[in-house]
N, C-alpha and C. Protein backbone atom coordinates (compact mmCIF):
# COMPACT_ATOMS: atom_id res chain seq x y z
N ARG A 1 0.85 -1.18 0.00
CA ARG A 1 0.00 0.00 0.00
C ARG A 1 0.89 1.24 0.00
N ARG A 2 0.33 2.34 -0.52
CA ARG A 2 1.07 3.59 -0.58
C ARG A 2 0.14 4.74 -0.24
N ALA A 3 0.58 5.63 0.64
CA ALA A 3 -0.14 6.87 0.96
C ALA A 3 0.59 7.99 0.24
N SER A 4 -0.18 8.87 -0.42
CA SER A 4 0.42 9.94 -1.21
C SER A 4 -0.33 11.25 -1.06
N ALA A 5 0.43 12.33 -1.16
CA ALA A 5 -0.13 13.68 -1.32
C ALA A 5 0.04 14.01 -2.79
N VAL A 6 -1.03 14.49 -3.43
CA VAL A 6 -0.98 14.77 -4.86
C VAL A 6 -1.37 16.21 -5.15
N ASP A 7 -0.89 16.73 -6.30
CA ASP A 7 -1.22 18.09 -6.70
C ASP A 7 -2.49 18.11 -7.54
N ALA A 8 -2.83 19.26 -8.11
CA ALA A 8 -4.06 19.43 -8.88
C ALA A 8 -4.11 18.54 -10.11
N THR A 9 -2.95 18.13 -10.64
CA THR A 9 -2.93 17.26 -11.82
C THR A 9 -2.94 15.78 -11.45
N GLY A 10 -2.91 15.47 -10.14
CA GLY A 10 -2.88 14.09 -9.69
C GLY A 10 -1.47 13.54 -9.55
N ARG A 11 -0.47 14.39 -9.79
CA ARG A 11 0.93 13.97 -9.67
C ARG A 11 1.32 13.89 -8.20
N GLU A 12 2.04 12.83 -7.83
CA GLU A 12 2.47 12.65 -6.45
C GLU A 12 3.52 13.69 -6.07
N ILE A 13 3.28 14.37 -4.96
CA ILE A 13 4.23 15.33 -4.41
C ILE A 13 5.10 14.63 -3.37
N ALA A 14 4.47 13.80 -2.55
CA ALA A 14 5.18 13.02 -1.54
C ALA A 14 4.40 11.74 -1.31
N GLY A 15 5.12 10.66 -1.01
CA GLY A 15 4.44 9.40 -0.77
C GLY A 15 5.31 8.47 0.05
N VAL A 16 4.65 7.49 0.65
CA VAL A 16 5.36 6.50 1.45
C VAL A 16 4.62 5.17 1.37
N ASP A 17 5.38 4.09 1.22
CA ASP A 17 4.81 2.75 1.28
C ASP A 17 4.65 2.35 2.73
N PHE A 18 3.61 1.57 3.03
CA PHE A 18 3.37 1.17 4.42
C PHE A 18 2.68 -0.18 4.47
N GLU A 19 2.71 -0.79 5.64
CA GLU A 19 2.00 -2.03 5.93
C GLU A 19 0.95 -1.73 6.99
N LEU A 20 -0.16 -2.44 6.92
CA LEU A 20 -1.19 -2.30 7.94
C LEU A 20 -0.77 -3.03 9.21
N ALA A 21 -1.18 -2.50 10.35
CA ALA A 21 -0.96 -3.16 11.64
C ALA A 21 -2.29 -3.68 12.13
N THR A 22 -2.40 -4.99 12.30
CA THR A 22 -3.64 -5.61 12.78
C THR A 22 -3.80 -5.34 14.27
N VAL A 23 -4.99 -4.90 14.65
CA VAL A 23 -5.27 -4.58 16.05
C VAL A 23 -5.43 -5.86 16.85
N GLY A 24 -6.20 -6.82 16.33
CA GLY A 24 -6.33 -8.12 16.97
C GLY A 24 -7.25 -8.17 18.17
N CYS A 25 -8.07 -7.17 18.37
CA CYS A 25 -9.01 -7.20 19.49
C CYS A 25 -10.25 -6.42 19.09
N GLY A 26 -11.23 -6.44 19.93
CA GLY A 26 -12.46 -5.71 19.65
C GLY A 26 -13.43 -6.54 18.84
N ALA A 27 -14.43 -5.88 18.26
CA ALA A 27 -15.50 -6.57 17.54
C ALA A 27 -14.99 -7.27 16.28
N ASP A 28 -13.98 -6.71 15.63
CA ASP A 28 -13.44 -7.30 14.40
C ASP A 28 -11.96 -7.62 14.61
N PRO A 29 -11.62 -8.89 14.82
CA PRO A 29 -10.22 -9.24 15.08
C PRO A 29 -9.30 -8.97 13.89
N ASP A 30 -9.87 -8.76 12.70
CA ASP A 30 -9.06 -8.48 11.52
C ASP A 30 -8.89 -6.98 11.28
N GLU A 31 -9.45 -6.14 12.16
CA GLU A 31 -9.34 -4.69 12.01
C GLU A 31 -7.88 -4.28 11.99
N ALA A 32 -7.53 -3.38 11.06
CA ALA A 32 -6.14 -2.94 10.92
C ALA A 32 -6.09 -1.44 10.79
N HIS A 33 -4.95 -0.84 11.18
CA HIS A 33 -4.76 0.60 11.16
C HIS A 33 -3.40 0.93 10.55
N PHE A 34 -3.23 2.20 10.24
CA PHE A 34 -1.92 2.68 9.81
C PHE A 34 -1.78 4.15 10.15
N ALA A 35 -0.56 4.60 10.26
CA ALA A 35 -0.24 6.01 10.43
C ALA A 35 1.02 6.26 9.63
N VAL A 36 1.02 7.34 8.87
CA VAL A 36 2.19 7.66 8.05
C VAL A 36 2.51 9.14 8.19
N PHE A 37 3.74 9.48 7.86
CA PHE A 37 4.20 10.86 7.81
C PHE A 37 4.64 11.12 6.38
N LEU A 38 4.07 12.15 5.76
CA LEU A 38 4.46 12.53 4.40
C LEU A 38 5.33 13.78 4.48
N PRO A 39 6.62 13.66 4.23
CA PRO A 39 7.50 14.82 4.34
C PRO A 39 7.25 15.82 3.20
N LEU A 40 6.89 17.04 3.58
CA LEU A 40 6.61 18.09 2.60
C LEU A 40 7.32 19.36 3.01
N ASP A 41 7.90 20.05 2.04
CA ASP A 41 8.45 21.38 2.32
C ASP A 41 7.32 22.38 2.14
N GLY A 42 7.57 23.66 2.39
CA GLY A 42 6.53 24.69 2.29
C GLY A 42 5.87 24.74 0.93
N ASP A 43 6.65 24.64 -0.14
CA ASP A 43 6.10 24.67 -1.49
C ASP A 43 5.22 23.45 -1.75
N GLY A 44 5.69 22.29 -1.32
CA GLY A 44 4.92 21.06 -1.52
C GLY A 44 3.62 21.10 -0.76
N PHE A 45 3.66 21.58 0.47
CA PHE A 45 2.45 21.66 1.29
C PHE A 45 1.40 22.53 0.61
N ASP A 46 1.82 23.65 0.05
CA ASP A 46 0.88 24.57 -0.60
C ASP A 46 0.26 23.97 -1.85
N ARG A 47 0.92 23.00 -2.47
CA ARG A 47 0.41 22.40 -3.72
C ARG A 47 -0.49 21.19 -3.49
N VAL A 48 -0.57 20.68 -2.26
CA VAL A 48 -1.37 19.48 -2.00
C VAL A 48 -2.84 19.77 -2.25
N GLN A 49 -3.46 18.94 -3.10
CA GLN A 49 -4.88 19.07 -3.40
C GLN A 49 -5.68 17.86 -2.96
N ALA A 50 -4.99 16.77 -2.64
CA ALA A 50 -5.68 15.56 -2.17
C ALA A 50 -4.68 14.61 -1.54
N LEU A 51 -5.20 13.72 -0.72
CA LEU A 51 -4.43 12.62 -0.15
C LEU A 51 -5.10 11.33 -0.61
N HIS A 52 -4.30 10.34 -0.97
CA HIS A 52 -4.92 9.07 -1.30
C HIS A 52 -4.07 7.90 -0.83
N VAL A 53 -4.77 6.76 -0.68
CA VAL A 53 -4.14 5.49 -0.33
C VAL A 53 -4.43 4.55 -1.48
N LYS A 54 -3.37 3.91 -1.98
CA LYS A 54 -3.51 3.00 -3.11
C LYS A 54 -2.91 1.64 -2.79
N ALA A 55 -3.47 0.62 -3.43
CA ALA A 55 -2.89 -0.71 -3.48
C ALA A 55 -2.65 -0.97 -4.96
N GLY A 56 -1.40 -0.90 -5.38
CA GLY A 56 -1.10 -0.97 -6.81
C GLY A 56 -1.67 0.25 -7.49
N ASP A 57 -2.50 0.06 -8.52
CA ASP A 57 -3.14 1.18 -9.23
C ASP A 57 -4.53 1.51 -8.70
N GLN A 58 -5.03 0.72 -7.75
CA GLN A 58 -6.38 0.93 -7.22
C GLN A 58 -6.37 1.90 -6.05
N ILE A 59 -7.18 2.97 -6.14
CA ILE A 59 -7.33 3.92 -5.04
C ILE A 59 -8.29 3.34 -4.01
N LEU A 60 -7.79 3.14 -2.79
CA LEU A 60 -8.59 2.59 -1.70
C LEU A 60 -9.29 3.68 -0.90
N ALA A 61 -8.66 4.84 -0.79
CA ALA A 61 -9.24 5.96 -0.03
C ALA A 61 -8.74 7.25 -0.66
N LEU A 62 -9.62 8.24 -0.69
CA LEU A 62 -9.29 9.55 -1.26
C LEU A 62 -9.86 10.62 -0.35
N ARG A 63 -9.05 11.62 -0.04
CA ARG A 63 -9.50 12.74 0.79
C ARG A 63 -9.15 14.02 0.08
N ARG A 64 -10.15 14.88 -0.11
CA ARG A 64 -9.95 16.21 -0.71
C ARG A 64 -10.28 17.27 0.34
N PRO A 65 -9.74 18.47 0.18
CA PRO A 65 -10.09 19.54 1.13
C PRO A 65 -11.60 19.76 1.14
N THR A 66 -12.13 20.01 2.34
CA THR A 66 -13.58 20.21 2.46
C THR A 66 -13.96 21.58 2.99
N ALA A 67 -12.98 22.39 3.35
CA ALA A 67 -13.30 23.67 3.97
C ALA A 67 -12.36 24.75 3.45
N VAL A 68 -12.80 25.96 3.59
CA VAL A 68 -11.93 27.10 3.33
C VAL A 68 -11.23 27.40 4.64
N LEU A 69 -9.92 27.28 4.63
CA LEU A 69 -9.19 27.52 5.87
C LEU A 69 -9.17 29.00 6.19
N GLY A 70 -8.89 29.29 7.42
CA GLY A 70 -8.89 30.67 7.89
C GLY A 70 -9.97 30.85 8.92
N GLY A 71 -9.93 31.96 9.57
CA GLY A 71 -10.95 32.23 10.57
C GLY A 71 -10.40 32.16 11.97
N ASP A 72 -11.30 32.20 12.91
CA ASP A 72 -10.94 32.24 14.31
C ASP A 72 -11.58 31.08 15.05
N ALA A 73 -11.08 30.85 16.23
CA ALA A 73 -11.72 29.94 17.17
C ALA A 73 -12.06 30.76 18.41
N VAL A 74 -13.20 30.49 19.00
CA VAL A 74 -13.66 31.26 20.16
C VAL A 74 -13.46 30.43 21.42
N LEU A 75 -12.81 31.03 22.39
CA LEU A 75 -12.55 30.38 23.68
C LEU A 75 -13.40 31.09 24.72
N ALA A 76 -14.28 30.34 25.40
CA ALA A 76 -15.19 30.94 26.37
C ALA A 76 -15.12 30.22 27.70
N SER A 77 -15.16 30.97 28.80
CA SER A 77 -15.18 30.38 30.14
C SER A 77 -16.55 29.77 30.40
N ARG A 78 -16.57 28.65 31.14
CA ARG A 78 -17.83 28.02 31.54
C ARG A 78 -18.09 28.35 33.00
N PRO A 79 -19.35 28.58 33.35
CA PRO A 79 -19.68 28.91 34.75
C PRO A 79 -19.26 27.79 35.71
N THR A 80 -19.24 26.55 35.24
CA THR A 80 -18.90 25.41 36.10
C THR A 80 -17.40 25.18 36.16
N GLY A 81 -16.63 26.02 35.49
CA GLY A 81 -15.17 25.87 35.45
C GLY A 81 -14.71 25.36 34.10
N GLY A 82 -13.47 25.60 33.80
CA GLY A 82 -12.94 25.19 32.50
C GLY A 82 -13.35 26.15 31.40
N THR A 83 -13.07 25.76 30.19
CA THR A 83 -13.41 26.60 29.04
C THR A 83 -14.01 25.75 27.94
N THR A 84 -14.75 26.41 27.06
CA THR A 84 -15.30 25.77 25.88
C THR A 84 -14.66 26.41 24.66
N LEU A 85 -14.18 25.59 23.75
CA LEU A 85 -13.60 26.05 22.49
C LEU A 85 -14.59 25.75 21.38
N ARG A 86 -14.92 26.78 20.59
CA ARG A 86 -15.82 26.62 19.44
C ARG A 86 -15.10 27.10 18.20
N TRP A 87 -15.34 26.42 17.07
CA TRP A 87 -14.74 26.85 15.80
C TRP A 87 -15.72 26.59 14.67
N THR A 88 -15.40 27.14 13.52
CA THR A 88 -16.26 27.03 12.35
C THR A 88 -16.49 25.57 12.01
N SER A 89 -17.75 25.21 11.83
CA SER A 89 -18.09 23.81 11.59
C SER A 89 -17.57 23.31 10.24
N GLY A 90 -17.13 24.20 9.35
CA GLY A 90 -16.55 23.78 8.08
C GLY A 90 -15.23 23.06 8.26
N HIS A 91 -14.68 23.11 9.44
CA HIS A 91 -13.45 22.42 9.76
C HIS A 91 -13.81 21.23 10.65
N PRO A 92 -13.76 20.03 10.13
CA PRO A 92 -14.24 18.89 10.91
C PRO A 92 -13.43 18.54 12.15
N ALA A 93 -12.15 18.93 12.20
CA ALA A 93 -11.34 18.49 13.33
C ALA A 93 -10.42 19.60 13.84
N ALA A 94 -10.11 19.51 15.14
CA ALA A 94 -9.19 20.46 15.76
C ALA A 94 -8.20 19.70 16.63
N LEU A 95 -6.95 20.15 16.58
CA LEU A 95 -5.92 19.66 17.47
C LEU A 95 -5.63 20.79 18.44
N VAL A 96 -5.79 20.53 19.74
CA VAL A 96 -5.60 21.56 20.76
C VAL A 96 -4.39 21.16 21.60
N ARG A 97 -3.41 22.07 21.65
CA ARG A 97 -2.18 21.82 22.42
C ARG A 97 -2.00 22.88 23.49
N ASP A 98 -1.34 22.52 24.56
CA ASP A 98 -0.92 23.47 25.57
C ASP A 98 0.12 24.37 24.91
N ALA A 99 -0.10 25.67 24.90
CA ALA A 99 0.79 26.60 24.19
C ALA A 99 2.19 26.63 24.78
N ARG A 100 2.34 26.34 26.05
CA ARG A 100 3.67 26.37 26.68
C ARG A 100 4.45 25.08 26.46
N THR A 101 3.80 23.93 26.63
CA THR A 101 4.51 22.64 26.60
C THR A 101 4.40 21.91 25.27
N GLY A 102 3.38 22.25 24.47
CA GLY A 102 3.14 21.53 23.22
C GLY A 102 2.37 20.23 23.41
N GLU A 103 2.05 19.90 24.66
CA GLU A 103 1.32 18.66 24.96
C GLU A 103 -0.08 18.73 24.34
N VAL A 104 -0.53 17.62 23.75
CA VAL A 104 -1.87 17.56 23.17
C VAL A 104 -2.88 17.55 24.31
N VAL A 105 -3.79 18.52 24.28
CA VAL A 105 -4.85 18.64 25.29
C VAL A 105 -6.11 17.94 24.80
N ALA A 106 -6.40 18.07 23.49
CA ALA A 106 -7.61 17.45 22.94
C ALA A 106 -7.47 17.30 21.43
N ILE A 107 -8.09 16.26 20.92
CA ILE A 107 -8.34 16.10 19.49
C ILE A 107 -9.85 16.07 19.40
N ALA A 108 -10.42 17.06 18.72
CA ALA A 108 -11.87 17.24 18.80
C ALA A 108 -12.51 17.35 17.42
N ARG A 109 -13.79 17.07 17.38
CA ARG A 109 -14.58 17.14 16.14
C ARG A 109 -15.86 17.94 16.37
N ASP A 110 -16.51 18.26 15.27
CA ASP A 110 -17.86 18.84 15.28
C ASP A 110 -17.97 20.25 15.84
N GLY A 111 -16.88 21.01 15.86
CA GLY A 111 -16.97 22.43 16.16
C GLY A 111 -16.97 22.85 17.61
N VAL A 112 -16.86 21.90 18.55
CA VAL A 112 -16.85 22.30 19.96
C VAL A 112 -16.14 21.25 20.81
N VAL A 113 -15.42 21.74 21.83
CA VAL A 113 -14.82 20.84 22.81
C VAL A 113 -14.75 21.58 24.14
N ASN A 114 -15.05 20.86 25.22
CA ASN A 114 -14.92 21.41 26.56
C ASN A 114 -13.55 21.03 27.11
N LEU A 115 -12.80 22.03 27.53
CA LEU A 115 -11.49 21.82 28.13
C LEU A 115 -11.64 21.88 29.64
N PRO A 116 -10.96 21.00 30.38
CA PRO A 116 -11.19 20.91 31.82
C PRO A 116 -10.80 22.14 32.61
N GLU A 117 -9.83 22.91 32.13
CA GLU A 117 -9.41 24.10 32.87
C GLU A 117 -9.02 25.20 31.89
N ALA A 118 -9.06 26.41 32.38
CA ALA A 118 -8.64 27.53 31.55
C ALA A 118 -7.13 27.43 31.38
N GLN A 119 -6.67 27.46 30.15
CA GLN A 119 -5.24 27.40 29.90
C GLN A 119 -4.92 28.08 28.58
N ASP A 120 -3.67 28.39 28.39
CA ASP A 120 -3.21 29.00 27.16
C ASP A 120 -3.05 27.88 26.14
N VAL A 121 -3.86 27.89 25.07
CA VAL A 121 -3.83 26.80 24.10
C VAL A 121 -3.48 27.30 22.70
N ASP A 122 -2.96 26.38 21.92
CA ASP A 122 -2.67 26.58 20.51
C ASP A 122 -3.64 25.66 19.77
N VAL A 123 -4.37 26.20 18.78
CA VAL A 123 -5.39 25.42 18.09
C VAL A 123 -5.06 25.34 16.61
N GLN A 124 -5.10 24.11 16.08
CA GLN A 124 -4.92 23.89 14.66
C GLN A 124 -6.18 23.21 14.14
N LEU A 125 -6.76 23.77 13.08
CA LEU A 125 -7.97 23.21 12.48
C LEU A 125 -7.59 22.48 11.20
N SER A 126 -8.31 21.39 10.92
CA SER A 126 -8.02 20.59 9.73
C SER A 126 -9.29 20.36 8.94
N ASP A 127 -9.14 20.34 7.61
CA ASP A 127 -10.25 19.98 6.74
C ASP A 127 -10.07 18.57 6.19
N GLY A 128 -9.12 17.84 6.74
CA GLY A 128 -8.85 16.49 6.30
C GLY A 128 -7.66 16.40 5.37
N VAL A 129 -7.25 17.53 4.81
CA VAL A 129 -6.07 17.58 3.94
C VAL A 129 -5.11 18.65 4.44
N HIS A 130 -5.61 19.84 4.65
CA HIS A 130 -4.78 20.95 5.12
C HIS A 130 -5.05 21.25 6.59
N THR A 131 -4.03 21.71 7.27
CA THR A 131 -4.14 22.08 8.68
C THR A 131 -3.60 23.49 8.83
N GLU A 132 -4.26 24.26 9.68
CA GLU A 132 -3.86 25.65 9.86
C GLU A 132 -4.03 26.07 11.31
N ARG A 133 -3.04 26.75 11.84
CA ARG A 133 -3.14 27.34 13.19
C ARG A 133 -4.11 28.51 13.10
N VAL A 134 -4.99 28.65 14.06
CA VAL A 134 -5.97 29.75 14.04
C VAL A 134 -5.76 30.66 15.23
N ARG A 135 -6.29 31.85 15.08
CA ARG A 135 -6.23 32.87 16.13
C ARG A 135 -7.38 32.63 17.10
N LEU A 136 -7.08 32.67 18.38
CA LEU A 136 -8.11 32.54 19.41
C LEU A 136 -8.67 33.90 19.75
N VAL A 137 -9.97 33.98 19.87
CA VAL A 137 -10.61 35.23 20.27
C VAL A 137 -11.49 34.95 21.48
N PRO A 138 -11.57 35.91 22.42
CA PRO A 138 -12.46 35.70 23.58
C PRO A 138 -13.91 35.80 23.15
N GLU A 139 -14.77 35.12 23.91
CA GLU A 139 -16.20 35.19 23.61
C GLU A 139 -16.68 36.61 23.81
N PRO A 140 -17.50 37.11 22.86
CA PRO A 140 -17.99 38.50 23.00
C PRO A 140 -18.92 38.68 24.16
């Protein structure tokens, strides 16, 4: 199998061959997963128009950008403690890190996540292909 980042013409910009890792537990003992890193420089990253996974010439999975990147994320205090982070629903996923340590605080979906305590966070939103750091704004 091969995971690739491709440009607008379908030409591979970066790719890596990989093997699936069988989980061996749960409802489906044959369930398998993979994780890959596609090395891209700044120019290559800007040219990515899709990600795909292939077995030989057959495309097994294809992901295209689904959102217009940009915008803000709103961080609001909760009366019960902690904070709530909200972002544009056009971005299906967010990676939230502690701004000081870089530790992952949350991987969240669907435009909202409750954080257990108020903290300085760094937020990156993803449309499934591109990821972008966003500016945090306080709730109005």
